[in-house]
N, C-alpha and C. Protein backbone atom coordinates (compact mmCIF):
# COMPACT_ATOMS: atom_id res chain seq x y z
N MET A 1 -35.92 -16.34 -16.63
CA MET A 1 -36.27 -17.02 -15.03
C MET A 1 -34.76 -16.45 -14.52
N LYS A 2 -33.65 -17.30 -15.14
CA LYS A 2 -31.99 -17.49 -14.82
C LYS A 2 -31.63 -15.80 -14.66
N LYS A 3 -31.85 -15.06 -15.90
CA LYS A 3 -31.33 -13.66 -15.48
C LYS A 3 -31.68 -12.84 -14.41
N TRP A 4 -33.24 -13.24 -14.00
CA TRP A 4 -33.44 -12.36 -13.02
C TRP A 4 -33.23 -13.23 -11.53
N ILE A 5 -32.76 -14.09 -11.36
CA ILE A 5 -31.97 -14.93 -10.14
C ILE A 5 -30.72 -14.26 -10.34
N ILE A 6 -30.00 -14.66 -11.38
CA ILE A 6 -28.60 -13.98 -11.68
C ILE A 6 -28.51 -12.26 -10.91
N SER A 7 -29.25 -12.06 -11.60
CA SER A 7 -29.09 -9.98 -11.35
C SER A 7 -29.94 -9.89 -10.48
N GLY A 8 -30.97 -10.42 -9.42
CA GLY A 8 -31.30 -10.56 -7.73
C GLY A 8 -30.18 -10.62 -7.40
N ALA A 9 -28.77 -11.89 -7.28
CA ALA A 9 -27.94 -11.94 -6.47
C ALA A 9 -26.78 -10.87 -6.59
N ILE A 10 -26.59 -10.56 -7.94
CA ILE A 10 -25.79 -9.87 -8.14
C ILE A 10 -26.13 -7.89 -7.49
N ALA A 11 -27.42 -7.87 -7.32
CA ALA A 11 -27.83 -6.89 -7.23
C ALA A 11 -27.51 -7.19 -5.29
N PHE A 12 -28.07 -7.93 -4.69
CA PHE A 12 -27.59 -8.43 -3.25
C PHE A 12 -26.57 -8.00 -2.97
N SER A 13 -25.85 -8.80 -3.55
CA SER A 13 -24.51 -8.77 -3.51
C SER A 13 -23.89 -7.45 -3.16
N ALA A 14 -24.11 -6.69 -3.88
CA ALA A 14 -23.88 -5.29 -4.38
C ALA A 14 -23.84 -4.42 -3.32
N MET A 15 -25.45 -4.94 -2.88
CA MET A 15 -25.69 -3.98 -1.64
C MET A 15 -25.34 -4.54 -0.08
N PHE A 16 -24.93 -5.51 -0.29
CA PHE A 16 -24.64 -6.10 1.68
C PHE A 16 -23.24 -6.57 1.44
N PHE A 17 -22.46 -6.37 0.08
CA PHE A 17 -21.05 -6.72 0.15
C PHE A 17 -20.55 -5.83 -0.50
N PRO A 18 -20.48 -4.16 -0.23
CA PRO A 18 -19.76 -3.21 -1.22
C PRO A 18 -18.38 -3.46 -1.38
N SER A 19 -17.60 -3.11 -2.67
CA SER A 19 -16.27 -3.45 -2.53
C SER A 19 -15.83 -2.40 -1.54
N GLN A 20 -14.41 -3.38 -1.53
CA GLN A 20 -13.15 -2.70 -0.62
C GLN A 20 -13.34 -1.05 -1.05
N THR A 21 -13.20 -0.36 -2.03
CA THR A 21 -12.59 0.56 -2.22
C THR A 21 -13.78 1.52 -2.05
N ASP A 22 -14.94 1.36 -2.20
CA ASP A 22 -15.70 1.85 -1.90
C ASP A 22 -16.09 2.13 -0.31
N ALA A 23 -15.85 0.91 0.14
CA ALA A 23 -15.85 0.89 1.64
C ALA A 23 -14.86 1.61 2.64
N THR A 24 -13.60 1.72 2.10
CA THR A 24 -12.57 2.01 3.00
C THR A 24 -11.83 3.42 1.75
N SER A 25 -12.18 3.63 1.35
CA SER A 25 -11.61 4.71 0.21
C SER A 25 -12.42 5.65 -0.58
N GLN A 26 -11.94 7.13 -0.67
CA GLN A 26 -12.57 7.49 -2.09
C GLN A 26 -11.80 8.04 -2.90
N GLN A 27 -12.38 9.23 -3.91
CA GLN A 27 -11.51 9.61 -4.95
C GLN A 27 -11.47 11.27 -4.71
N TYR A 28 -10.03 11.53 -5.16
CA TYR A 28 -10.55 13.51 -5.06
C TYR A 28 -9.67 13.69 -6.35
N THR A 29 -10.29 14.76 -6.68
CA THR A 29 -9.23 15.37 -8.15
C THR A 29 -8.31 16.27 -7.61
N VAL A 30 -7.19 16.46 -7.64
CA VAL A 30 -6.55 17.78 -7.50
C VAL A 30 -7.03 19.03 -8.07
N LYS A 31 -7.04 20.06 -7.65
CA LYS A 31 -7.03 20.98 -8.61
C LYS A 31 -6.35 22.62 -8.30
N SER A 32 -6.30 23.62 -8.99
CA SER A 32 -5.51 24.41 -8.70
C SER A 32 -5.55 24.93 -7.46
N GLY A 33 -4.38 25.17 -6.82
CA GLY A 33 -4.05 25.62 -4.93
C GLY A 33 -3.93 24.74 -4.32
N ASP A 34 -4.34 23.52 -4.40
CA ASP A 34 -4.60 22.31 -3.73
C ASP A 34 -2.59 22.00 -3.12
N SER A 35 -2.97 21.56 -2.26
CA SER A 35 -1.53 20.80 -1.71
C SER A 35 -2.33 19.53 -0.59
N LEU A 36 -1.23 18.54 -0.62
CA LEU A 36 -1.59 17.69 0.06
C LEU A 36 -1.84 17.95 2.24
N TRP A 37 -1.23 18.87 2.43
CA TRP A 37 -1.97 19.52 3.34
C TRP A 37 -3.32 19.67 3.51
N LYS A 38 -3.55 21.28 2.26
CA LYS A 38 -4.99 21.52 2.38
C LYS A 38 -5.87 20.31 2.06
N ILE A 39 -5.37 19.28 1.36
CA ILE A 39 -6.51 18.20 0.91
C ILE A 39 -6.26 17.34 2.61
N SER A 40 -5.20 16.85 3.16
CA SER A 40 -5.73 16.68 4.47
C SER A 40 -6.16 16.99 5.35
N GLN A 41 -6.44 17.99 5.52
CA GLN A 41 -7.28 18.76 6.51
C GLN A 41 -8.56 18.77 6.07
N ARG A 42 -8.97 19.35 4.50
CA ARG A 42 -10.30 18.96 4.54
C ARG A 42 -10.76 17.49 4.23
N TYR A 43 -9.88 16.40 4.75
CA TYR A 43 -10.43 15.23 4.88
C TYR A 43 -9.96 14.36 6.12
N GLY A 44 -9.53 15.21 6.77
CA GLY A 44 -9.43 14.65 8.31
C GLY A 44 -8.28 13.86 8.01
N THR A 45 -7.68 13.95 7.55
CA THR A 45 -6.53 12.41 7.58
C THR A 45 -5.12 13.59 7.77
N ASN A 46 -3.79 13.05 6.84
CA ASN A 46 -2.70 13.71 7.04
C ASN A 46 -1.58 13.02 5.98
N VAL A 47 -0.73 13.80 5.91
CA VAL A 47 0.43 14.11 4.77
C VAL A 47 0.69 12.99 4.31
N ASN A 48 1.13 12.42 5.59
CA ASN A 48 1.86 10.86 5.10
C ASN A 48 1.10 9.80 5.10
N SER A 49 -0.27 10.00 5.46
CA SER A 49 -1.56 8.48 4.97
C SER A 49 -1.74 8.89 3.65
N LEU A 50 -1.79 9.99 3.35
CA LEU A 50 -2.08 10.70 2.05
C LEU A 50 -0.73 10.24 0.62
N LYS A 51 0.18 10.17 1.30
CA LYS A 51 1.12 9.74 0.58
C LYS A 51 1.56 8.34 0.45
N ALA A 52 1.17 7.69 1.62
CA ALA A 52 1.04 6.13 1.73
C ALA A 52 -0.14 5.84 0.49
N ALA A 53 -0.95 6.59 0.75
CA ALA A 53 -2.35 6.00 -0.15
C ALA A 53 -1.93 6.04 -1.65
N ASN A 54 -1.36 7.06 -2.21
CA ASN A 54 -1.43 6.84 -3.23
C ASN A 54 0.61 6.87 -3.80
N GLY A 55 1.21 5.95 -3.29
CA GLY A 55 2.30 5.66 -3.12
C GLY A 55 3.08 7.06 -3.80
N LEU A 56 3.33 8.26 -3.12
CA LEU A 56 3.86 9.14 -3.07
C LEU A 56 5.34 9.25 -2.61
N SER A 57 6.47 9.60 -3.21
CA SER A 57 7.58 10.06 -2.12
C SER A 57 7.81 11.31 -1.78
N GLY A 58 7.13 12.56 -2.61
CA GLY A 58 7.49 13.73 -2.14
C GLY A 58 6.03 14.37 -1.92
N SER A 59 5.76 15.43 -2.01
CA SER A 59 4.90 16.25 -1.76
C SER A 59 3.93 17.19 -2.80
N LEU A 60 4.58 16.85 -4.27
CA LEU A 60 4.53 17.51 -5.58
C LEU A 60 3.17 16.37 -6.21
N ILE A 61 2.13 17.34 -6.52
CA ILE A 61 0.57 17.37 -7.00
C ILE A 61 0.71 17.92 -7.97
N TYR A 62 -0.58 17.49 -9.07
CA TYR A 62 -0.86 18.20 -10.07
C TYR A 62 -2.53 18.41 -10.24
N PRO A 63 -2.66 19.53 -11.00
CA PRO A 63 -4.03 19.76 -11.19
C PRO A 63 -4.53 18.70 -12.20
N GLY A 64 -6.06 18.29 -11.77
CA GLY A 64 -6.26 16.91 -12.95
C GLY A 64 -6.03 15.83 -11.96
N GLN A 65 -4.84 15.48 -11.54
CA GLN A 65 -4.22 14.56 -10.65
C GLN A 65 -5.38 13.44 -9.98
N THR A 66 -5.64 12.25 -9.70
CA THR A 66 -6.40 11.82 -9.19
C THR A 66 -6.26 11.26 -7.56
N LEU A 67 -6.35 11.38 -6.32
CA LEU A 67 -5.66 10.61 -5.52
C LEU A 67 -7.18 10.06 -4.29
N THR A 68 -6.10 9.23 -3.96
CA THR A 68 -7.19 8.60 -2.88
C THR A 68 -7.05 8.45 -1.88
N ILE A 69 -8.02 8.85 -1.10
CA ILE A 69 -8.06 9.36 0.49
C ILE A 69 -8.77 8.20 0.90
N GLY A 70 -7.55 7.52 1.83
CA GLY A 70 -7.85 6.80 2.31
C GLY A 70 -8.50 6.91 3.57
N GLU A 71 -9.35 5.67 4.70
CA GLU A 71 -9.49 6.23 6.32
C GLU A 71 -8.85 5.96 7.34
N SER A 72 -9.07 6.64 8.08
CA SER A 72 -7.54 6.32 8.71
C SER A 72 -7.55 5.57 9.71
N ALA A 73 -6.41 4.89 10.67
CA ALA A 73 -6.85 3.80 11.70
C ALA A 73 -6.76 4.32 13.12
N VAL A 74 -7.64 5.03 13.28
CA VAL A 74 -7.98 5.52 14.53
C VAL A 74 -8.37 4.48 15.62
N ASN A 75 -7.55 4.16 16.56
CA ASN A 75 -8.05 3.64 17.98
C ASN A 75 -9.28 4.12 18.61
N GLU A 76 -10.60 3.60 18.40
CA GLU A 76 -11.53 3.99 19.10
C GLU A 76 -11.41 4.25 21.06
N GLU A 77 -10.94 3.03 21.40
CA GLU A 77 -10.76 3.60 22.60
C GLU A 77 -9.59 4.42 23.36
N GLU A 78 -8.84 5.25 22.26
CA GLU A 78 -8.27 6.41 22.44
C GLU A 78 -8.89 7.14 21.87
N LEU A 79 -9.84 7.48 21.15
CA LEU A 79 -10.43 8.63 20.37
C LEU A 79 -11.77 8.48 21.12
N ASP A 80 -12.45 7.59 22.05
CA ASP A 80 -13.28 7.64 23.14
C ASP A 80 -12.48 8.61 24.02
N LEU A 81 -11.74 8.35 24.97
CA LEU A 81 -11.33 8.68 26.11
C LEU A 81 -10.69 10.38 25.66
N LEU A 82 -9.81 10.45 24.01
CA LEU A 82 -9.29 11.68 24.04
C LEU A 82 -11.14 12.86 23.70
N SER A 83 -11.89 12.47 23.42
CA SER A 83 -13.33 12.60 23.43
C SER A 83 -13.78 13.45 24.30
N ARG A 84 -13.55 12.30 25.19
CA ARG A 84 -14.29 12.85 26.57
C ARG A 84 -13.61 14.20 27.52
N LEU A 85 -11.85 13.73 27.48
CA LEU A 85 -11.00 14.95 27.89
C LEU A 85 -11.72 15.72 26.95
N VAL A 86 -11.67 16.07 25.73
CA VAL A 86 -11.90 17.58 24.96
C VAL A 86 -13.12 17.87 24.94
N HIS A 87 -14.41 17.61 25.42
CA HIS A 87 -15.71 17.54 25.74
C HIS A 87 -15.51 18.38 27.07
N ALA A 88 -14.86 17.37 28.19
CA ALA A 88 -14.73 18.14 29.33
C ALA A 88 -14.28 19.23 29.50
N GLU A 89 -12.95 19.42 29.06
CA GLU A 89 -11.67 20.75 28.88
C GLU A 89 -12.37 21.62 27.87
N ALA A 90 -13.32 21.93 26.69
CA ALA A 90 -13.08 22.85 26.14
C ALA A 90 -15.06 22.74 25.56
N ARG A 91 -15.72 22.24 26.28
CA ARG A 91 -17.46 22.40 26.60
C ARG A 91 -17.25 23.88 25.96
N GLY A 92 -18.65 24.26 25.26
CA GLY A 92 -18.82 25.53 25.07
C GLY A 92 -17.85 26.41 23.59
N GLU A 93 -16.35 25.93 23.38
CA GLU A 93 -15.48 26.16 22.76
C GLU A 93 -15.98 25.89 21.33
N SER A 94 -15.23 26.75 20.38
CA SER A 94 -15.47 26.08 18.80
C SER A 94 -14.85 24.79 18.78
N TYR A 95 -15.65 24.50 17.48
CA TYR A 95 -14.92 23.18 17.00
C TYR A 95 -13.04 23.37 16.78
N LYS A 96 -12.95 24.17 16.33
CA LYS A 96 -10.92 25.07 16.53
C LYS A 96 -10.56 24.77 17.62
N GLY A 97 -11.11 25.38 18.57
CA GLY A 97 -10.79 25.24 20.17
C GLY A 97 -10.64 23.95 20.68
N LYS A 98 -11.95 22.88 20.25
CA LYS A 98 -11.72 21.83 20.49
C LYS A 98 -10.82 20.75 20.05
N ALA A 99 -10.49 20.85 18.61
CA ALA A 99 -9.18 20.35 18.05
C ALA A 99 -7.94 20.83 18.56
N ALA A 100 -7.98 21.94 19.13
CA ALA A 100 -6.70 22.54 19.29
C ALA A 100 -6.42 21.81 20.79
N VAL A 101 -7.29 21.81 21.73
CA VAL A 101 -7.31 21.03 22.96
C VAL A 101 -6.97 19.32 22.70
N ALA A 102 -7.07 18.82 21.83
CA ALA A 102 -6.86 17.40 21.06
C ALA A 102 -5.33 17.42 20.59
N GLY A 103 -5.17 18.60 19.84
CA GLY A 103 -3.84 18.62 19.42
C GLY A 103 -2.63 18.69 20.84
N VAL A 104 -3.13 19.17 21.54
CA VAL A 104 -1.85 19.44 22.72
C VAL A 104 -1.68 17.96 23.34
N ILE A 105 -3.39 17.45 23.60
CA ILE A 105 -2.68 15.98 24.19
C ILE A 105 -2.00 15.35 23.04
N LEU A 106 -2.03 15.23 21.92
CA LEU A 106 -0.96 14.67 20.84
C LEU A 106 0.03 14.98 20.88
N ASN A 107 0.49 16.03 20.83
CA ASN A 107 1.70 16.60 20.58
C ASN A 107 2.08 16.27 21.89
N ARG A 108 1.55 16.41 23.27
CA ARG A 108 2.34 16.02 24.71
C ARG A 108 2.82 14.28 24.10
N VAL A 109 2.04 13.59 23.51
CA VAL A 109 2.20 12.29 23.04
C VAL A 109 3.67 11.80 22.69
N LYS A 110 3.68 12.92 21.58
CA LYS A 110 5.41 13.26 20.60
C LYS A 110 5.89 13.55 21.06
N SER A 111 6.54 14.74 22.13
CA SER A 111 7.13 15.00 23.45
C SER A 111 7.99 14.13 24.04
N ASN A 112 9.11 14.43 23.86
CA ASN A 112 10.04 13.52 25.14
C ASN A 112 9.75 13.79 26.48
N GLU A 113 9.00 15.09 26.86
CA GLU A 113 8.78 15.55 27.74
C GLU A 113 7.82 15.22 28.34
N PHE A 114 6.88 14.33 27.90
CA PHE A 114 5.50 13.81 28.58
C PHE A 114 4.87 11.60 28.46
N PRO A 115 4.34 11.52 28.75
CA PRO A 115 4.87 9.72 28.71
C PRO A 115 4.12 9.74 27.10
N ASP A 116 4.52 8.48 26.45
CA ASP A 116 3.82 8.27 25.13
C ASP A 116 3.01 7.67 24.48
N THR A 117 1.49 7.83 25.53
CA THR A 117 0.15 6.98 25.02
C THR A 117 -0.86 8.35 25.07
N ILE A 118 -2.03 8.25 24.83
CA ILE A 118 -2.87 8.83 25.51
C ILE A 118 -3.52 8.79 25.97
N GLU A 119 -3.27 7.86 26.96
CA GLU A 119 -4.08 7.33 28.03
C GLU A 119 -2.88 7.71 28.97
N GLU A 120 -2.03 7.34 29.07
CA GLU A 120 -0.89 8.12 30.13
C GLU A 120 -0.95 9.28 29.96
N VAL A 121 -0.85 10.09 29.08
CA VAL A 121 -1.22 11.43 29.27
C VAL A 121 -2.23 12.07 29.66
N ILE A 122 -3.00 11.46 29.84
CA ILE A 122 -4.29 12.30 30.36
C ILE A 122 -4.76 11.90 31.86
N TYR A 123 -3.86 10.54 32.00
CA TYR A 123 -3.87 10.17 33.16
C TYR A 123 -2.11 10.52 34.08
N GLU A 124 -1.90 11.32 33.36
CA GLU A 124 -0.48 12.02 34.39
C GLU A 124 -0.76 12.32 35.25
N THR A 125 -0.14 12.30 36.57
CA THR A 125 -0.40 13.19 37.93
C THR A 125 1.07 13.59 38.35
N HIS A 126 0.99 14.46 38.91
CA HIS A 126 2.02 15.53 39.41
C HIS A 126 2.33 15.03 41.09
N GLY A 127 3.28 15.70 42.11
CA GLY A 127 3.26 15.55 43.00
C GLY A 127 2.55 14.36 43.89
N ASN A 128 3.53 13.20 43.78
CA ASN A 128 3.35 11.84 43.83
C ASN A 128 2.27 11.32 43.83
N GLY A 129 1.77 11.83 42.69
CA GLY A 129 0.52 11.13 42.19
C GLY A 129 -1.04 11.89 42.59
N GLY A 130 -0.51 12.45 43.60
CA GLY A 130 -1.90 13.46 44.36
C GLY A 130 -2.77 14.52 43.39
N ILE A 131 -2.14 15.26 42.15
CA ILE A 131 -2.72 15.82 41.26
C ILE A 131 -2.79 15.07 39.77
N TYR A 132 -3.68 15.30 39.40
CA TYR A 132 -3.68 15.00 37.87
C TYR A 132 -3.57 16.06 37.07
N ALA A 133 -2.24 16.22 36.03
CA ALA A 133 -2.39 16.87 34.98
C ALA A 133 -3.71 17.61 33.93
N PHE A 134 -4.88 17.18 34.38
CA PHE A 134 -5.99 17.78 33.69
C PHE A 134 -6.85 17.51 35.09
N GLU A 135 -7.76 18.64 34.73
CA GLU A 135 -8.80 18.57 36.13
C GLU A 135 -10.11 18.04 35.82
N PRO A 136 -10.24 17.39 34.95
CA PRO A 136 -11.62 16.72 34.63
C PRO A 136 -10.92 15.12 35.04
N VAL A 137 -10.08 15.08 34.94
CA VAL A 137 -9.80 13.33 35.75
C VAL A 137 -9.55 13.57 37.03
N GLN A 138 -9.39 14.60 37.62
CA GLN A 138 -9.21 15.21 39.02
C GLN A 138 -10.82 14.89 39.64
N ASN A 139 -11.94 15.53 38.78
CA ASN A 139 -13.19 15.81 39.27
C ASN A 139 -14.40 14.93 38.86
N GLY A 140 -13.62 13.92 37.75
CA GLY A 140 -14.74 12.53 37.45
C GLY A 140 -15.49 13.27 35.90
N GLU A 141 -15.17 14.77 35.71
CA GLU A 141 -16.22 14.63 34.17
C GLU A 141 -15.67 14.17 33.40
N ILE A 142 -14.48 13.69 33.18
CA ILE A 142 -13.68 12.79 32.44
C ILE A 142 -14.72 11.51 31.97
N THR A 143 -15.69 11.31 33.00
CA THR A 143 -16.22 9.74 32.65
C THR A 143 -17.91 10.22 31.44
N ARG A 144 -17.93 11.67 31.54
CA ARG A 144 -19.22 11.96 30.88
C ARG A 144 -19.12 11.88 29.47
N HIS A 145 -20.14 11.42 28.52
CA HIS A 145 -19.90 11.15 27.44
C HIS A 145 -19.28 12.79 26.65
N ALA A 146 -18.85 12.28 25.36
CA ALA A 146 -18.66 13.79 24.60
C ALA A 146 -19.68 13.84 23.79
N ASP A 147 -20.00 15.05 23.27
CA ASP A 147 -20.66 15.03 22.27
C ASP A 147 -19.97 15.35 20.44
N ASN A 148 -21.02 15.08 19.88
CA ASN A 148 -20.46 14.99 18.67
C ASN A 148 -19.49 15.53 18.06
N GLU A 149 -19.55 17.26 18.36
CA GLU A 149 -18.24 17.59 17.66
C GLU A 149 -17.00 17.63 18.71
N SER A 150 -17.16 17.20 19.90
CA SER A 150 -15.95 16.72 20.29
C SER A 150 -15.29 15.63 19.82
N VAL A 151 -15.74 14.48 19.63
CA VAL A 151 -15.51 13.26 18.68
C VAL A 151 -14.89 13.53 17.58
N LYS A 152 -15.95 14.97 16.88
CA LYS A 152 -15.17 15.10 15.62
C LYS A 152 -13.40 15.73 15.75
N ALA A 153 -13.78 16.50 16.36
CA ALA A 153 -12.02 16.87 16.75
C ALA A 153 -11.27 16.91 17.21
N ALA A 154 -11.83 15.75 18.07
CA ALA A 154 -10.76 14.68 18.65
C ALA A 154 -10.20 13.42 17.47
N ARG A 155 -11.21 13.44 16.24
CA ARG A 155 -10.52 12.37 15.42
C ARG A 155 -9.90 12.92 14.35
N ASP A 156 -10.45 14.38 14.03
CA ASP A 156 -9.44 15.10 13.42
C ASP A 156 -7.75 15.28 13.48
N ALA A 157 -7.88 15.68 14.67
CA ALA A 157 -6.50 15.93 15.00
C ALA A 157 -5.60 14.32 15.38
N MET A 158 -6.50 13.38 15.59
CA MET A 158 -5.68 12.27 15.84
C MET A 158 -5.34 12.39 13.95
N ASN A 159 -6.15 12.60 12.86
CA ASN A 159 -5.21 12.51 11.91
C ASN A 159 -4.52 13.42 11.61
N GLY A 160 -4.15 14.29 12.30
CA GLY A 160 -3.26 15.48 11.97
C GLY A 160 -3.68 16.99 12.17
N TYR A 161 -4.54 17.21 12.05
CA TYR A 161 -5.27 18.65 12.39
C TYR A 161 -4.82 19.13 13.97
N ASP A 162 -3.82 20.29 13.63
CA ASP A 162 -3.41 20.76 15.16
C ASP A 162 -3.59 22.19 14.95
N PRO A 163 -4.76 23.11 15.48
CA PRO A 163 -5.12 24.46 15.54
C PRO A 163 -3.94 24.78 16.65
N SER A 164 -2.99 24.19 17.19
CA SER A 164 -3.05 24.73 18.44
C SER A 164 -1.44 25.11 18.01
N ASN A 165 -0.81 24.95 16.81
CA ASN A 165 0.46 25.38 16.37
C ASN A 165 1.30 24.40 17.21
N GLY A 166 1.02 22.93 17.57
CA GLY A 166 2.20 22.55 18.13
C GLY A 166 2.93 22.50 19.71
N ALA A 167 1.90 23.17 20.12
CA ALA A 167 1.50 23.74 21.75
C ALA A 167 1.44 22.31 22.42
N LEU A 168 2.07 22.31 23.66
CA LEU A 168 1.83 21.49 24.47
C LEU A 168 1.17 21.78 25.78
N PHE A 169 0.93 22.85 26.15
CA PHE A 169 0.03 23.34 27.01
C PHE A 169 -1.31 24.28 27.07
N PHE A 170 -2.41 24.30 27.49
CA PHE A 170 -3.61 25.14 27.26
C PHE A 170 -4.12 25.69 28.33
N PHE A 171 -4.66 26.90 28.75
CA PHE A 171 -5.19 27.18 29.83
C PHE A 171 -6.06 28.14 29.68
N ASN A 172 -6.98 29.08 30.16
CA ASN A 172 -7.98 29.65 30.26
C ASN A 172 -7.40 30.97 31.55
N PRO A 173 -6.75 32.07 30.53
CA PRO A 173 -6.08 32.89 31.31
C PRO A 173 -6.85 33.78 32.16
N ASP A 174 -8.03 33.76 31.87
CA ASP A 174 -8.81 34.24 33.26
C ASP A 174 -9.15 33.80 34.62
N THR A 175 -8.91 32.24 34.37
CA THR A 175 -9.15 31.65 35.49
C THR A 175 -7.48 30.69 36.21
N ALA A 176 -7.04 30.89 35.17
CA ALA A 176 -5.41 30.19 35.57
C ALA A 176 -5.19 31.06 36.73
N THR A 177 -4.47 30.00 38.03
CA THR A 177 -3.76 30.61 38.90
C THR A 177 -2.20 30.36 39.50
N SER A 178 -1.90 29.65 38.46
CA SER A 178 -0.37 28.98 38.61
C SER A 178 0.19 30.03 37.80
N LYS A 179 1.31 30.36 38.71
CA LYS A 179 1.99 31.69 37.89
C LYS A 179 3.22 30.73 37.10
N TRP A 180 3.58 29.51 36.97
CA TRP A 180 4.36 28.66 36.17
C TRP A 180 3.73 29.13 34.58
N VAL A 181 2.42 28.75 34.36
CA VAL A 181 1.93 29.58 33.08
C VAL A 181 2.37 30.52 32.57
N GLN A 182 2.78 31.79 33.59
CA GLN A 182 3.50 33.10 32.87
C GLN A 182 4.96 32.70 32.25
N ARG A 183 5.39 31.95 32.26
CA ARG A 183 6.72 31.73 31.69
C ARG A 183 6.79 30.51 30.42
N LEU A 184 5.21 30.07 30.13
CA LEU A 184 5.11 30.08 29.11
C LEU A 184 5.26 30.68 27.00
N THR A 185 5.46 30.36 26.29
CA THR A 185 5.70 31.04 25.15
C THR A 185 3.93 30.65 24.54
N ILE A 186 3.58 32.14 24.36
CA ILE A 186 1.86 31.52 23.53
C ILE A 186 2.38 31.39 22.28
N GLU A 187 1.33 30.44 21.60
CA GLU A 187 1.36 30.19 20.41
C GLU A 187 0.36 30.68 19.50
N SER A 188 -0.75 30.34 20.23
CA SER A 188 -1.99 30.47 19.62
C SER A 188 -3.36 31.42 21.01
N LYS A 189 -4.13 31.85 20.52
CA LYS A 189 -5.76 31.75 21.18
C LYS A 189 -6.66 31.32 20.57
N ILE A 190 -7.18 30.68 20.85
CA ILE A 190 -8.62 30.35 20.31
C ILE A 190 -9.43 30.60 21.48
N GLY A 191 -10.86 31.18 21.27
CA GLY A 191 -11.96 31.22 22.31
C GLY A 191 -11.01 31.62 23.63
N ASN A 192 -11.75 30.85 24.40
CA ASN A 192 -11.70 31.54 25.90
C ASN A 192 -9.76 30.38 26.31
N HIS A 193 -9.07 29.76 25.44
CA HIS A 193 -7.82 29.12 25.54
C HIS A 193 -6.53 29.73 25.05
N VAL A 194 -5.51 29.46 25.68
CA VAL A 194 -4.31 30.11 25.39
C VAL A 194 -3.57 28.65 25.01
N PHE A 195 -2.80 28.59 24.17
CA PHE A 195 -2.09 27.56 23.84
C PHE A 195 -0.35 27.84 23.67
N ALA A 196 0.06 26.84 24.47
CA ALA A 196 1.37 27.07 24.69
C ALA A 196 2.61 26.53 24.79
N THR A 197 3.76 26.69 24.48
CA THR A 197 4.92 25.92 24.67
C THR A 197 5.71 26.37 25.82
N ASN A 198 6.98 25.63 25.91
CA ASN A 198 7.73 25.56 27.04
C ASN A 198 8.87 26.51 26.56
C-alpha cells in the first residue's frame, strides 16, 4: 500500500510540477552545417541568448554538441502591441513579410534616430503631434486583435529574426504618396512592401 501511495505521489508531482528544465528549455544536438544563427532562427531566439544559455563566449560549435535552447523573455504587453501593429500593417502578407514589419519597429527601437521603446516607436507623432508614424494608430486599426501568424511573427522578431535586413522604414510602392520615400535605400522587397533605410 505504501508503494502505491509513494508512486501515486511521484506521478502526481511529475504531472503538476514539471522540472524547471522541461518547462523552460529544450535540448538540441548540433548537426553538420549548423551555426548559432541558423539554430537561433529555427527556434525563434537569438545568438546572444544561445551563447548565454550555454556558457559560450564565441560562436564556434561542433556537430554532436548538445545545446540548451532557452525560452526567451518577451514582454507580453509589448508583444501584444507589436502583434496588433503587424496585423494592421501587414494583413494579407506572408509570415516573412509580417516578421519584417515587426523587424522595422525593433530596428527603430535600437536606432538613435527614433524613440527607445516599442510603444514609443509605434505611437510616435510628427507635425506637432498631429500625424502618427503608422497609419493604423491614426485610424484605430491598431485596437483590433492580432491573428496567430502576426503574433508568431512579432515574437520571432523580438527574438532576433529580421528579414527586413535592418530596415528602418517600410512602405507599399503602389500606394505610397509621400515623395521622401524615393530618397530611401531599399534593403529588400517582401510581398507588397519595400523595406528601406535612409
